[in-house]
Amino acid sequence: MNETIVSMKGICKSFPGVKALDNVQLELRSGEVLALLGENGAGKSTLMKILSGVYTRDAGTMEIFGQQYGDLTPKQAQEIGVAIIHQELNMCRHLSVAENMFLGREERRGIVLSNRKMEQEAKRVLDELKIDIDPHQVVGDLPVSKQQMVEIAKALSTKARILIMDEPTSALTSKEIDELFRIIRQLKANGYGIIYISHRLEELQHIVDRVSIMRDGQYITSMNFQDATMDEIIAHMVGREIKEKFPRVTCPKGKKIFEVKNLNAGRMVRDVSFDLYEGEIVGFAGLMGAGRTETTRAIFGVDPKESGELILDGQAVTIQKPRDAIRAGIVLAPEDRKKDGLCTKLSIRHNIALPNLDLLCGPLGVVSRQKEDAMCQQAVENLKIKTPGVDIDAGNLSGGNQQKVVVGKWLARNSRVVIFDEPTRGIDVAAKVEIYNLMNQLKEQGIAVMFVSSEMPEVMGIADRIIVMCDGRITGEVMARETTQNEILTLATKFETKVASAAQ
């Protein structure tokens, strides 16, 4: 126990126009959870991809379980005992749990697959972790939390002793996070080394032994978690002290901009009504599955509406598809920015220009390069997007900068209503503050701001007014400065409480 199982020294890695890693070091011991921290773009993922064999390094040495290694392939890394669990889960949704766990290394009897042997081994690993999942179950039918447990079980079935977890709690409820932490503690007790990447710093106190901090592609420091304060950790990450985690500006409440009346859309949006005003930010709180995301999708025209009315600046608007919403001045920064908000294989330039072609094209339908350059440059400067240039693919940006590109393309339209769905998910503390400042900036400009967040402190810290949903309905509305987390949680579990009471 506590022997050094990974030692990386002097690691360097460059991509065209970007030095991603510059003389970085990392040390992991058996039986410990090491938090690898840093802002988006600090180089954490690049370093982990070198360790797991996805990238080759330009310079530096790497020692795993006491043996020197050069560049690894993903297969070699797996054979050595390194496994990475990505933020975007890497599963074949149509296959069973057992089939996913043994994908690419199937058990065979001669030329025939031995399904029974794979299912037995899958059950053994799941039982060892005390995870109640049937190996026959189709992965696509499992909730995200269970899929993540399958990823962990898959890693252990490869005999991995080094686990890299990248933002493992970003889509989990508090109850599911507790279950994940139980498994992490169990693995730690069994001598596994775990590298834990997360922007939710409040989680660290429950599982982390040490922290290693990176900034701008460089190693900054390592320390025992119990010897550091959260303010010290944040200062090392961002290179300065962040005085306000939730900056708030006060504006006079102006006229009503947007009104939703009796909106119905499927099972998760039932009779939803609310108003948005100038000079305020309205937060939507609730547990996962409360219907908040579904409400934003119905408003924006992604999902069909059964009934209801949308009124913008006193006039009824008809929104049947996103194009209608965009033209009306209602825009959405979606929950899954990579899947729904960006074309990751296109450049920043093209992502910003794509929904704004009506503003950029002349009478003959030709894009004005001058207007496009001005629009993109303004977005980069106003939102402080970290990039060598606007012709870099959006997929090469960090999570926080990708979020800024999503927002930037809408701000170019002078939109009237901006809806943010989980805008700070998977981004670092400094980038979060920039997103909050952006919301405040919109608020000061008289733009209606609505945002959905699963992080209660965030909703209470940034919103002026909070609307709470449960089971597809609005169950309460409170002023952020006059409420408590308990009051919001009570409203967020209103129907669950009634069901529990009726069952007794």
Protein backbone atom coordinates (compact mmCIF):
# COMPACT_ATOMS: atom_id res chain seq x y z
CA MET A 1 0.00 0.00 0.00
CA ASN A 2 1.06 3.63 -0.75
CA GLU A 3 3.82 2.53 -3.13
CA THR A 4 4.23 4.73 -6.21
CA ILE A 5 2.46 3.03 -9.12
CA VAL A 6 2.60 5.90 -11.68
CA SER A 7 5.43 8.38 -12.10
CA MET A 8 5.34 10.82 -15.02
CA LYS A 9 8.14 13.42 -15.30
CA GLY A 10 8.94 16.19 -17.77
CA ILE A 11 5.99 15.35 -20.01
CA CYS A 12 5.61 17.66 -23.03
CA LYS A 13 3.00 17.58 -25.79
CA SER A 14 2.27 20.05 -28.59
CA PHE A 15 -0.50 20.29 -31.17
CA PRO A 16 -0.49 22.67 -34.16
CA GLY A 17 -0.42 26.17 -32.67
CA VAL A 18 -0.79 24.97 -29.07
CA LYS A 19 1.64 23.68 -26.43
CA ALA A 20 -0.74 21.50 -24.40
CA LEU A 21 1.80 20.18 -21.86
CA ASP A 22 5.06 21.78 -20.77
CA ASN A 23 7.32 19.80 -18.40
CA VAL A 24 4.43 18.23 -16.44
CA GLN A 25 4.83 15.70 -13.65
CA LEU A 26 2.39 13.41 -11.86
CA GLU A 27 2.70 10.75 -9.16
CA LEU A 28 0.01 8.24 -8.12
CA ARG A 29 0.25 5.83 -5.21
CA SER A 30 -1.62 2.60 -4.57
CA GLY A 31 -4.62 2.87 -2.26
CA GLU A 32 -5.14 6.60 -2.84
CA VAL A 33 -7.52 8.92 -4.67
CA LEU A 34 -5.57 11.70 -6.39
CA ALA A 35 -7.63 14.67 -7.60
CA LEU A 36 -6.16 16.12 -10.81
CA LEU A 37 -7.37 19.72 -10.86
CA GLY A 38 -7.11 22.69 -13.17
CA GLU A 39 -9.14 24.98 -15.37
CA ASN A 40 -10.53 23.79 -18.70
CA GLY A 41 -7.58 23.77 -21.08
CA ALA A 42 -5.05 23.21 -18.27
CA GLY A 43 -3.91 19.95 -19.92
CA LYS A 44 -5.49 17.37 -17.58
CA SER A 45 -7.18 15.34 -20.31
CA THR A 46 -4.10 15.46 -22.56
CA LEU A 47 -1.92 14.09 -19.72
CA MET A 48 -4.43 11.30 -19.03
CA LYS A 49 -4.61 10.41 -22.72
CA ILE A 50 -0.84 9.95 -22.71
CA LEU A 51 -1.08 7.69 -19.66
CA SER A 52 -3.90 5.66 -21.24
CA GLY A 53 -2.17 5.35 -24.64
CA VAL A 54 -4.42 7.62 -26.72
CA TYR A 55 -1.70 10.26 -27.33
CA THR A 56 2.06 9.93 -27.73
CA ARG A 57 4.30 12.35 -25.81
CA ASP A 58 6.90 14.67 -27.32
CA ALA A 59 9.25 14.38 -24.30
CA GLY A 60 9.41 13.07 -20.75
CA THR A 61 9.51 9.73 -18.92
CA MET A 62 6.75 7.44 -17.72
CA GLU A 63 7.04 4.69 -15.13
CA ILE A 64 4.11 2.37 -14.30
CA PHE A 65 4.33 -0.24 -11.54
CA GLY A 66 8.09 0.36 -11.36
CA GLN A 67 8.77 -0.26 -15.05
CA GLN A 68 9.80 2.36 -17.62
CA TYR A 69 7.55 2.69 -20.66
CA GLY A 70 7.79 4.66 -23.87
CA ASP A 71 4.68 5.56 -25.81
CA LEU A 72 1.78 3.18 -25.21
CA THR A 73 -1.13 2.11 -27.38
CA PRO A 74 -4.58 1.94 -25.70
CA LYS A 75 -4.35 -1.87 -25.77
CA GLN A 76 -0.90 -1.88 -24.12
CA ALA A 77 -2.12 0.54 -21.44
CA GLN A 78 -5.07 -1.77 -20.74
CA GLU A 79 -2.79 -4.80 -20.51
CA ILE A 80 -0.54 -2.96 -18.03
CA GLY A 81 -3.59 -2.17 -15.86
CA VAL A 82 -4.64 1.38 -16.83
CA ALA A 83 -8.32 2.12 -17.50
CA ILE A 84 -10.05 5.43 -18.21
CA ILE A 85 -13.74 6.14 -17.60
CA HIS A 86 -14.70 9.06 -19.81
CA GLN A 87 -17.20 11.82 -19.05
CA GLU A 88 -19.10 10.83 -22.21
CA LEU A 89 -19.70 7.14 -21.52
CA ASN A 90 -18.26 4.82 -24.16
CA MET A 91 -20.97 2.15 -24.34
CA CYS A 92 -22.75 0.18 -27.07
CA ARG A 93 -26.31 0.91 -25.97
CA HIS A 94 -27.90 -1.97 -27.91
CA LEU A 95 -25.68 -4.63 -26.28
CA SER A 96 -26.11 -6.25 -22.88
CA VAL A 97 -24.09 -5.39 -19.78
CA ALA A 98 -21.95 -8.53 -20.14
CA GLU A 99 -21.38 -7.93 -23.88
CA ASN A 100 -20.23 -4.37 -23.18
CA MET A 101 -17.88 -5.50 -20.41
CA PHE A 102 -16.14 -8.01 -22.70
CA LEU A 103 -16.30 -6.07 -25.97
CA GLY A 104 -13.09 -6.69 -27.94
CA ARG A 105 -11.88 -9.43 -25.60
CA GLU A 106 -14.75 -11.91 -25.78
CA GLU A 107 -14.49 -15.31 -24.12
CA ARG A 108 -14.62 -18.13 -26.67
CA ARG A 109 -15.04 -21.88 -26.75
CA GLY A 110 -13.30 -22.73 -30.00
CA ILE A 111 -14.80 -20.38 -32.59
CA VAL A 112 -18.05 -19.91 -30.63
CA LEU A 113 -18.59 -17.10 -28.11
CA SER A 114 -19.00 -18.35 -24.55
CA ASN A 115 -21.85 -16.04 -23.46
CA ARG A 116 -22.42 -18.02 -20.29
CA LYS A 117 -18.81 -17.61 -19.13
CA MET A 118 -18.88 -13.84 -19.86
CA GLU A 119 -22.17 -13.43 -17.98
CA GLN A 120 -20.81 -15.37 -14.99
CA GLU A 121 -17.64 -13.26 -14.87
CA ALA A 122 -19.66 -10.04 -15.29
CA LYS A 123 -21.91 -11.07 -12.40
CA ARG A 124 -18.88 -11.89 -10.23
CA VAL A 125 -17.36 -8.42 -10.76
CA LEU A 126 -20.71 -6.65 -10.23
CA ASP A 127 -21.36 -8.65 -7.04
CA GLU A 128 -17.86 -7.85 -5.78
CA LEU A 129 -18.70 -4.15 -6.09
CA LYS A 130 -22.16 -4.72 -4.59
CA ILE A 131 -23.78 -3.34 -7.76
CA ASP A 132 -27.29 -4.65 -8.37
CA ILE A 133 -27.36 -4.94 -12.18
CA ASP A 134 -28.38 -7.97 -14.25
CA PRO A 135 -25.60 -8.89 -16.76
CA HIS A 136 -28.33 -9.73 -19.33
CA GLN A 137 -29.83 -6.24 -19.21
CA VAL A 138 -29.47 -4.01 -22.30
CA VAL A 139 -27.21 -1.07 -21.43
CA GLY A 140 -29.41 1.46 -23.26
CA ASP A 141 -32.25 0.65 -20.84
CA LEU A 142 -30.14 1.60 -17.80
CA PRO A 143 -30.02 5.10 -16.28
CA VAL A 144 -26.74 7.03 -16.70
CA SER A 145 -25.68 6.24 -13.12
CA LYS A 146 -25.97 2.48 -13.73
CA GLN A 147 -24.14 2.78 -17.05
CA GLN A 148 -21.29 4.43 -15.18
CA MET A 149 -21.20 1.53 -12.70
CA VAL A 150 -20.96 -0.83 -15.68
CA GLU A 151 -17.97 1.19 -17.00
CA ILE A 152 -16.23 0.78 -13.63
CA ALA A 153 -17.02 -2.95 -13.57
CA LYS A 154 -15.73 -3.23 -17.16
CA ALA A 155 -12.45 -1.59 -16.12
CA LEU A 156 -12.03 -3.99 -13.20
CA SER A 157 -12.81 -6.99 -15.40
CA THR A 158 -9.71 -6.05 -17.46
CA LYS A 159 -7.65 -6.43 -14.24
CA ALA A 160 -7.01 -2.67 -14.17
CA ARG A 161 -5.32 -1.35 -11.01
CA ILE A 162 -5.15 2.30 -12.12
CA LEU A 163 -8.52 3.99 -12.74
CA ILE A 164 -8.88 7.43 -14.32
CA MET A 165 -12.31 8.97 -13.69
CA ASP A 166 -13.14 12.05 -15.76
CA GLU A 167 -16.05 14.10 -14.35
CA PRO A 168 -17.81 10.95 -13.08
CA THR A 169 -20.58 12.79 -11.18
CA SER A 170 -21.56 15.39 -13.81
CA ALA A 171 -24.88 13.67 -14.65
CA LEU A 172 -25.64 11.95 -11.30
CA THR A 173 -28.12 12.75 -8.54
CA SER A 174 -26.89 13.13 -4.95
CA LYS A 175 -28.05 9.60 -4.09
CA GLU A 176 -26.19 8.17 -7.12
CA ILE A 177 -23.08 10.17 -6.19
CA ASP A 178 -23.14 8.58 -2.71
CA GLU A 179 -23.21 5.14 -4.34
CA LEU A 180 -20.28 6.04 -6.61
CA PHE A 181 -18.28 7.29 -3.63
CA ARG A 182 -18.99 4.01 -1.79
CA ILE A 183 -17.46 2.09 -4.71
CA ILE A 184 -14.46 4.45 -4.87
CA ARG A 185 -13.77 3.93 -1.15
CA GLN A 186 -14.02 0.17 -1.64
CA LEU A 187 -11.54 0.25 -4.54
CA LYS A 188 -9.19 2.48 -2.57
CA ALA A 189 -9.29 0.04 0.38
CA ASN A 190 -8.38 -2.76 -2.04
CA GLY A 191 -5.22 -0.93 -3.14
CA TYR A 192 -6.37 0.58 -6.43
CA GLY A 193 -4.92 3.93 -7.50
CA ILE A 194 -7.58 6.38 -8.68
CA ILE A 195 -7.04 9.64 -10.58
CA TYR A 196 -10.18 11.71 -10.12
CA ILE A 197 -10.90 14.71 -12.39
CA SER A 198 -13.77 16.97 -11.32
CA HIS A 199 -14.80 20.61 -11.35
CA ARG A 200 -17.17 20.02 -8.43
CA LEU A 201 -14.65 20.93 -5.76
CA GLU A 202 -17.11 20.41 -2.92
CA GLU A 203 -17.00 16.66 -3.66
CA LEU A 204 -13.30 16.29 -2.94
CA GLN A 205 -13.60 16.25 0.84
CA HIS A 206 -15.52 12.95 0.72
CA ILE A 207 -12.97 10.81 -1.13
CA VAL A 208 -9.70 12.58 -2.01
CA ASP A 209 -6.30 12.03 -0.32
CA ARG A 210 -4.08 14.33 -2.41
CA VAL A 211 -4.51 16.96 -5.10
CA SER A 212 -2.25 17.68 -8.07
CA ILE A 213 -2.87 21.03 -9.77
CA MET A 214 -2.17 22.11 -13.36
CA ARG A 215 -2.51 25.49 -15.06
CA ASP A 216 -1.98 26.45 -18.71
CA GLY A 217 -0.33 23.15 -19.56
CA GLN A 218 2.12 23.27 -16.64
CA TYR A 219 2.42 21.45 -13.33
CA ILE A 220 1.82 23.86 -10.42
CA THR A 221 1.88 21.86 -7.17
CA SER A 222 0.73 18.77 -5.26
CA MET A 223 -0.48 18.65 -1.66
CA ASN A 224 -2.37 16.56 0.85
CA PHE A 225 -6.03 17.56 0.60
CA GLN A 226 -6.45 17.91 4.37
CA ASP A 227 -3.56 20.41 4.51
CA ALA A 228 -5.11 22.81 1.97
CA THR A 229 -8.08 25.17 2.06
CA MET A 230 -10.50 25.39 -0.85
CA ASP A 231 -9.47 29.01 -1.47
CA GLU A 232 -5.80 27.93 -1.76
CA ILE A 233 -6.71 25.18 -4.23
CA ILE A 234 -8.74 27.59 -6.38
CA ALA A 235 -5.97 30.23 -6.28
CA HIS A 236 -3.44 27.64 -7.52
CA MET A 237 -5.84 26.55 -10.29
CA VAL A 238 -6.60 29.99 -11.68
CA GLY A 239 -3.43 31.86 -10.70
CA ARG A 240 -5.35 34.44 -8.71
CA GLU A 241 -7.82 34.68 -5.86
CA ILE A 242 -11.48 34.49 -6.84
CA LYS A 243 -13.25 36.75 -4.40
CA GLU A 244 -16.81 36.00 -5.49
CA LYS A 245 -17.86 32.52 -6.57
CA PHE A 246 -21.38 33.76 -7.38
CA PRO A 247 -21.12 37.38 -8.59
CA ARG A 248 -24.50 39.07 -8.51
CA VAL A 249 -25.59 42.40 -9.96
CA THR A 250 -28.70 44.30 -8.89
CA CYS A 251 -30.98 45.70 -11.58
CA PRO A 252 -34.45 47.22 -11.36
CA LYS A 253 -37.10 44.73 -12.47
CA GLY A 254 -38.43 45.99 -15.80
CA LYS A 255 -41.28 45.06 -18.10
CA LYS A 256 -42.45 41.53 -18.84
CA ILE A 257 -40.55 40.13 -21.85
CA PHE A 258 -41.69 36.52 -22.14
CA GLU A 259 -44.69 34.59 -20.90
CA VAL A 260 -45.38 30.85 -21.01
CA LYS A 261 -49.04 29.89 -20.47
CA ASN A 262 -50.28 26.37 -19.74
CA LEU A 263 -47.54 24.62 -21.73
CA ASN A 264 -47.99 20.85 -22.21
CA ALA A 265 -45.49 18.64 -24.03
CA GLY A 266 -45.42 14.92 -23.30
CA ARG A 267 -45.42 13.43 -19.81
CA MET A 268 -42.68 15.69 -18.42
CA VAL A 269 -44.19 19.12 -19.20
CA ARG A 270 -47.66 19.47 -17.68
CA ASP A 271 -49.50 22.78 -17.50
CA VAL A 272 -46.33 24.87 -17.06
CA SER A 273 -46.81 28.65 -16.73
CA PHE A 274 -44.27 31.37 -15.84
CA ASP A 275 -43.06 34.87 -16.79
CA LEU A 276 -39.63 36.36 -17.48
CA TYR A 277 -38.89 40.06 -16.90
CA GLU A 278 -36.17 42.54 -17.76
CA GLY A 279 -33.51 42.93 -15.09
CA GLU A 280 -33.74 39.46 -13.52
CA ILE A 281 -32.32 35.97 -13.87
CA VAL A 282 -34.81 33.15 -13.30
CA GLY A 283 -33.38 29.81 -12.15
CA PHE A 284 -35.19 26.49 -12.58
CA ALA A 285 -34.49 24.01 -9.77
CA GLY A 286 -35.57 20.42 -9.22
CA LEU A 287 -34.29 16.87 -9.13
CA MET A 288 -33.25 14.95 -12.26
CA GLY A 289 -36.36 13.96 -14.20
CA ALA A 290 -38.38 16.92 -12.91
CA GLY A 291 -39.06 18.16 -16.46
CA ARG A 292 -36.82 21.24 -16.55
CA THR A 293 -34.82 20.27 -19.66
CA GLU A 294 -38.00 19.06 -21.38
CA THR A 295 -39.57 22.47 -20.73
CA THR A 296 -36.65 24.28 -22.40
CA ARG A 297 -36.80 21.91 -25.38
CA ALA A 298 -40.54 22.43 -25.81
CA ILE A 299 -40.16 26.23 -25.69
CA PHE A 300 -37.33 26.16 -28.24
CA GLY A 301 -39.28 23.89 -30.61
CA VAL A 302 -37.05 20.80 -30.31
CA ASP A 303 -39.92 18.71 -28.89
CA PRO A 304 -43.53 19.06 -30.10
CA LYS A 305 -46.02 20.95 -27.93
CA GLU A 306 -49.48 19.57 -27.26
CA SER A 307 -50.94 22.87 -26.09
CA GLY A 308 -50.04 26.17 -24.51
CA GLU A 309 -49.18 29.71 -25.49
CA LEU A 310 -45.88 31.60 -25.80
CA ILE A 311 -45.99 35.40 -25.64
CA LEU A 312 -42.94 37.57 -26.46
CA ASP A 313 -43.08 41.33 -25.88
CA GLY A 314 -46.87 41.16 -25.67
CA GLN A 315 -47.32 39.26 -28.96
CA ALA A 316 -48.17 35.55 -29.30
CA VAL A 317 -45.46 33.62 -31.14
CA THR A 318 -45.80 30.25 -32.87
CA ILE A 319 -42.76 27.99 -32.43
CA GLN A 320 -42.91 24.61 -34.14
CA LYS A 321 -39.18 24.16 -34.74
CA PRO A 322 -35.94 25.76 -33.46
CA ARG A 323 -35.74 27.96 -36.58
CA ASP A 324 -38.99 29.68 -35.49
CA ALA A 325 -37.61 30.32 -32.00
CA ILE A 326 -34.30 31.71 -33.32
CA ARG A 327 -36.07 34.11 -35.68
CA ALA A 328 -38.37 35.25 -32.87
CA GLY A 329 -35.35 35.98 -30.64
CA ILE A 330 -35.61 32.99 -28.25
CA VAL A 331 -32.43 30.89 -28.07
CA LEU A 332 -31.20 27.87 -26.12
CA ALA A 333 -27.74 26.83 -24.90
CA PRO A 334 -28.58 23.09 -24.47
CA GLU A 335 -27.64 20.68 -21.72
CA ASP A 336 -25.45 18.48 -23.96
CA ARG A 337 -23.33 21.09 -25.73
CA LYS A 338 -21.33 18.57 -27.78
CA LYS A 339 -24.37 16.67 -29.06
CA ASP A 340 -26.91 19.47 -29.47
CA GLY A 341 -25.06 22.79 -29.25
CA LEU A 342 -21.98 22.44 -31.45
CA CYS A 343 -20.68 20.93 -34.66
CA THR A 344 -17.44 19.78 -33.03
CA LYS A 345 -15.75 18.98 -36.38
CA LEU A 346 -16.38 22.49 -37.67
CA SER A 347 -14.34 25.56 -36.76
CA ILE A 348 -15.33 28.19 -34.22
CA ARG A 349 -15.94 30.49 -37.20
CA HIS A 350 -18.43 28.12 -38.83
CA ASN A 351 -20.20 27.30 -35.54
CA ILE A 352 -20.84 31.00 -34.90
CA ALA A 353 -21.77 31.74 -38.51
CA LEU A 354 -24.05 28.74 -39.14
CA PRO A 355 -27.22 29.93 -37.32
CA ASN A 356 -26.57 33.52 -38.44
CA LEU A 357 -26.38 33.10 -42.21
CA ASP A 358 -29.43 35.33 -42.63
CA LEU A 359 -27.39 38.15 -41.06
CA LEU A 360 -24.15 37.38 -42.94
CA CYS A 361 -25.37 36.75 -46.48
CA GLY A 362 -25.87 39.42 -49.11
CA PRO A 363 -28.76 39.56 -51.64
CA LEU A 364 -27.19 36.81 -53.76
CA GLY A 365 -26.74 34.45 -50.78
CA VAL A 366 -22.96 34.92 -50.54
CA VAL A 367 -21.47 35.10 -47.05
CA SER A 368 -19.73 38.40 -46.32
CA ARG A 369 -16.32 37.41 -44.99
CA GLN A 370 -15.92 40.87 -43.47
CA LYS A 371 -19.15 40.55 -41.46
CA GLU A 372 -18.25 36.98 -40.48
CA ASP A 373 -14.79 38.04 -39.24
CA ALA A 374 -16.31 40.89 -37.22
CA MET A 375 -18.99 38.66 -35.69
CA CYS A 376 -16.50 35.94 -34.71
CA GLN A 377 -13.92 38.38 -33.38
CA GLN A 378 -16.55 40.12 -31.26
CA ALA A 379 -17.67 36.78 -29.77
CA VAL A 380 -14.07 35.76 -28.95
CA GLU A 381 -13.30 39.13 -27.32
CA ASN A 382 -16.58 39.60 -25.43
CA LEU A 383 -16.66 36.05 -24.06
CA LYS A 384 -12.87 35.67 -23.62
CA ILE A 385 -12.76 32.44 -25.63
CA LYS A 386 -9.28 30.93 -25.24
CA THR A 387 -8.20 29.94 -28.76
CA PRO A 388 -5.24 30.56 -31.12
CA GLY A 389 -7.79 31.60 -33.78
CA VAL A 390 -11.37 31.22 -34.97
CA ASP A 391 -10.45 28.56 -37.55
CA ILE A 392 -9.63 25.98 -34.84
CA ASP A 393 -12.16 23.09 -34.65
CA ALA A 394 -14.64 23.60 -31.82
CA GLY A 395 -14.03 19.99 -30.71
CA ASN A 396 -10.44 20.91 -29.78
CA LEU A 397 -11.56 23.51 -27.23
CA SER A 398 -11.97 22.88 -23.52
CA GLY A 399 -15.50 22.40 -22.15
CA GLY A 400 -15.77 25.95 -20.84
CA ASN A 401 -14.66 27.46 -24.14
CA GLN A 402 -17.06 25.23 -26.07
CA GLN A 403 -19.87 26.58 -23.87
CA LYS A 404 -18.80 30.11 -24.73
CA VAL A 405 -18.97 29.35 -28.47
CA VAL A 406 -22.53 28.03 -28.00
CA VAL A 407 -23.52 31.26 -26.25
CA GLY A 408 -21.53 33.45 -28.66
CA LYS A 409 -23.45 32.36 -31.74
CA TRP A 410 -26.73 33.42 -30.11
CA LEU A 411 -25.54 36.74 -28.72
CA ALA A 412 -24.62 37.79 -32.25
CA ARG A 413 -28.37 37.88 -33.00
CA ASN A 414 -29.36 40.35 -30.27
CA SER A 415 -31.76 37.75 -28.90
CA ARG A 416 -34.56 38.72 -26.48
CA VAL A 417 -34.67 35.51 -24.41
CA VAL A 418 -31.60 33.38 -23.63
CA ILE A 419 -32.18 29.96 -22.03
CA PHE A 420 -29.22 28.15 -20.42
CA ASP A 421 -29.60 24.44 -19.60
CA GLU A 422 -26.89 23.28 -17.14
CA PRO A 423 -24.51 26.00 -18.45
CA THR A 424 -21.64 25.21 -16.04
CA ARG A 425 -21.70 21.41 -16.19
CA GLY A 426 -18.16 20.06 -16.57
CA ILE A 427 -16.40 23.43 -16.57
CA ASP A 428 -13.92 24.82 -14.08
CA VAL A 429 -14.48 27.34 -11.31
CA ALA A 430 -13.01 30.32 -13.17
CA ALA A 431 -15.00 29.55 -16.34
CA LYS A 432 -18.13 29.23 -14.20
CA VAL A 433 -17.61 32.75 -12.89
CA GLU A 434 -17.24 33.97 -16.49
CA ILE A 435 -20.56 32.31 -17.42
CA TYR A 436 -22.21 33.94 -14.36
CA ASN A 437 -20.79 37.31 -15.39
CA LEU A 438 -22.15 36.74 -18.88
CA MET A 439 -25.63 36.08 -17.45
CA ASN A 440 -25.35 39.27 -15.40
CA GLN A 441 -24.28 41.16 -18.51
CA LEU A 442 -27.39 39.92 -20.37
CA LYS A 443 -29.54 40.86 -17.39
CA GLU A 444 -28.13 44.40 -17.41
CA GLN A 445 -28.87 44.66 -21.15
CA GLY A 446 -32.55 43.92 -20.53
CA ILE A 447 -32.44 40.39 -21.99
CA ALA A 448 -34.62 37.76 -20.27
CA VAL A 449 -32.40 35.03 -18.78
CA MET A 450 -33.69 31.61 -17.77
CA PHE A 451 -31.34 28.89 -16.58
CA VAL A 452 -31.63 25.30 -15.43
CA SER A 453 -29.14 23.93 -12.90
CA SER A 454 -28.88 20.84 -10.73
CA GLU A 455 -26.45 22.62 -8.38
CA MET A 456 -28.49 24.20 -5.59
CA PRO A 457 -25.81 26.70 -4.43
CA GLU A 458 -25.50 27.91 -8.03
CA VAL A 459 -29.24 28.50 -8.44
CA MET A 460 -29.45 30.31 -5.10
CA GLY A 461 -26.27 32.31 -5.77
CA ILE A 462 -27.05 33.58 -9.27
CA ALA A 463 -30.84 33.62 -9.73
CA ASP A 464 -33.07 36.46 -8.56
CA ARG A 465 -36.17 34.28 -8.67
CA ILE A 466 -36.32 30.47 -8.50
CA ILE A 467 -39.02 28.29 -10.06
CA VAL A 468 -39.10 24.72 -8.71
CA MET A 469 -40.36 21.73 -10.71
CA CYS A 470 -41.29 18.18 -9.73
CA ASP A 471 -42.72 15.44 -11.93
CA GLY A 472 -43.28 17.75 -14.91
CA ARG A 473 -45.10 20.50 -13.00
CA ILE A 474 -44.19 23.76 -11.29
CA THR A 475 -44.55 23.21 -7.56
CA GLY A 476 -43.38 26.57 -6.26
CA GLU A 477 -41.75 29.91 -6.89
CA VAL A 478 -39.44 31.65 -4.39
CA MET A 479 -37.13 34.66 -4.25
CA ALA A 480 -33.50 33.47 -4.10
CA ARG A 481 -32.47 35.77 -1.25
CA GLU A 482 -35.45 34.81 0.90
CA THR A 483 -35.36 31.02 0.57
CA THR A 484 -33.35 28.07 1.90
CA GLN A 485 -32.08 24.85 0.36
CA ASN A 486 -34.55 22.93 2.53
CA GLU A 487 -37.50 24.93 1.19
CA ILE A 488 -36.41 24.31 -2.41
CA LEU A 489 -35.86 20.60 -1.73
CA THR A 490 -39.32 20.33 -0.14
CA LEU A 491 -40.88 21.83 -3.29
CA ALA A 492 -38.69 19.62 -5.52
CA THR A 493 -39.98 16.44 -3.82
CA LYS A 494 -43.60 17.53 -3.43
CA PHE A 495 -45.19 14.69 -5.35
CA GLU A 496 -42.71 12.08 -4.07
CA THR A 497 -43.65 13.09 -0.51
CA LYS A 498 -47.35 12.71 -1.31
CA VAL A 499 -46.79 9.26 -2.81
CA ALA A 500 -44.75 8.17 0.23
CA SER A 501 -47.45 9.46 2.60
CA ALA A 502 -50.20 7.67 0.69
CA ALA A 503 -48.25 4.39 0.82
CA GLN A 504 -47.96 4.46 4.62
